[in-house]
Protein backbone atom coordinates (compact mmCIF):
# COMPACT_ATOMS: atom_id res chain seq x y z
CA MET A 1 90.34 110.81 93.15
CA PRO A 2 93.64 109.02 92.57
CA LYS A 3 93.96 105.87 90.50
CA ALA A 4 93.78 102.52 92.26
CA GLY A 5 96.88 101.69 94.26
CA ARG A 6 97.97 105.30 94.60
CA HIS A 7 96.47 105.98 98.02
CA ALA A 8 99.88 106.39 99.68
CA GLU A 9 100.87 109.00 97.11
CA ALA A 10 97.57 110.85 97.57
CA VAL A 11 97.97 110.81 101.36
CA ALA A 12 101.49 112.20 100.98
CA ASP A 13 100.21 114.98 98.72
CA TYR A 14 97.43 115.95 101.14
CA THR A 15 99.88 115.80 104.04
CA ALA A 16 102.22 118.17 102.21
CA ALA A 17 99.31 120.55 101.57
CA ILE A 18 98.39 120.44 105.27
CA GLU A 19 102.00 121.15 106.25
CA ARG A 20 101.95 124.24 104.01
CA ASN A 21 98.57 125.37 105.38
CA PRO A 22 97.45 123.64 108.60
CA LYS A 23 93.98 125.22 108.27
CA TYR A 24 93.30 123.73 104.82
CA VAL A 25 90.08 121.89 105.71
CA GLN A 26 89.58 120.38 102.27
CA ALA A 27 92.98 118.65 102.47
CA TYR A 28 92.03 117.03 105.79
CA TYR A 29 88.72 115.92 104.30
CA GLU A 30 90.32 114.45 101.17
CA ARG A 31 93.05 112.74 103.19
CA ALA A 32 90.35 111.24 105.43
CA ASN A 33 88.68 109.84 102.31
CA GLU A 34 91.95 108.25 101.26
CA TYR A 35 92.39 106.75 104.71
CA VAL A 36 88.89 105.24 104.50
CA ARG A 37 89.63 103.80 101.05
CA SER A 38 92.72 102.09 102.46
CA GLY A 39 91.03 100.87 105.64
CA GLN A 40 92.84 103.27 107.99
CA TYR A 41 89.74 104.29 109.90
CA ALA A 42 91.39 105.73 113.02
CA GLN A 43 93.41 108.14 110.85
CA ALA A 44 90.24 109.09 108.93
CA VAL A 45 88.41 109.86 112.17
CA ALA A 46 91.35 111.99 113.34
CA ASP A 47 91.28 113.99 110.11
CA CYS A 48 87.49 114.45 110.37
CA ALA A 49 87.93 115.71 113.91
CA LYS A 50 90.67 118.13 112.85
CA ALA A 51 88.61 119.47 109.94
CA LEU A 52 85.63 119.98 112.21
CA ALA A 53 87.77 121.72 114.82
CA ILE A 54 89.12 124.14 112.21
CA GLN A 55 85.77 124.99 110.68
CA SER A 56 83.59 127.63 112.20
CA PRO A 57 80.21 126.06 112.95
CA VAL A 58 78.44 129.34 112.18
CA GLY A 59 77.39 129.84 108.58
CA ARG A 60 79.45 127.05 107.01
CA ARG A 61 78.41 123.57 106.11
CA VAL A 62 80.45 120.68 107.40
CA LEU A 63 82.45 119.07 104.59
CA PRO A 64 82.46 115.42 105.76
CA ALA A 65 78.66 115.36 105.75
CA ARG A 66 78.68 116.11 102.03
CA ARG A 67 79.55 112.60 100.94
CA GLY A 68 78.52 110.81 104.10
CA LEU A 69 82.03 110.17 105.38
CA CYS A 70 81.03 111.22 108.89
CA PRO A 71 77.27 110.82 109.36
CA GLY A 72 75.93 113.18 111.95
CA ALA A 73 78.44 115.88 111.04
CA GLU A 74 75.62 118.32 110.41
CA THR A 75 75.78 119.14 114.12
CA PRO A 76 79.19 120.49 115.16
CA GLY A 77 80.92 118.12 117.54
CA SER A 78 78.71 115.14 116.72
CA ALA A 79 80.67 113.59 113.87
CA VAL A 80 83.63 112.26 115.81
CA PRO A 81 81.62 110.00 118.14
CA THR A 82 79.55 108.81 115.16
CA CYS A 83 82.64 108.03 113.05
CA THR A 84 84.37 106.38 115.97
CA ARG A 85 81.45 104.05 116.53
CA ARG A 86 81.31 103.16 112.83
CA SER A 87 85.04 102.50 112.54
CA ASN A 88 85.24 99.97 115.38
């Protein structure tokens, strides 16, 4: 986790990682966490949705559910509506 006040730098780093590998789920997840920390909830929801879309629902756990970023993410396709409701 970056030091306080360095969210923009962290977001830029995760964005660069995603540009190098658009299927890097962990980078979307971490960038979503940074967006939440800085109050950018719509961007966080978008990253959660992208990470969920990339992940295969068979045999893999859903990363956002790990730390509760997107409650309901245990069921593929359910996290985005849940996060959207919470971010409004």
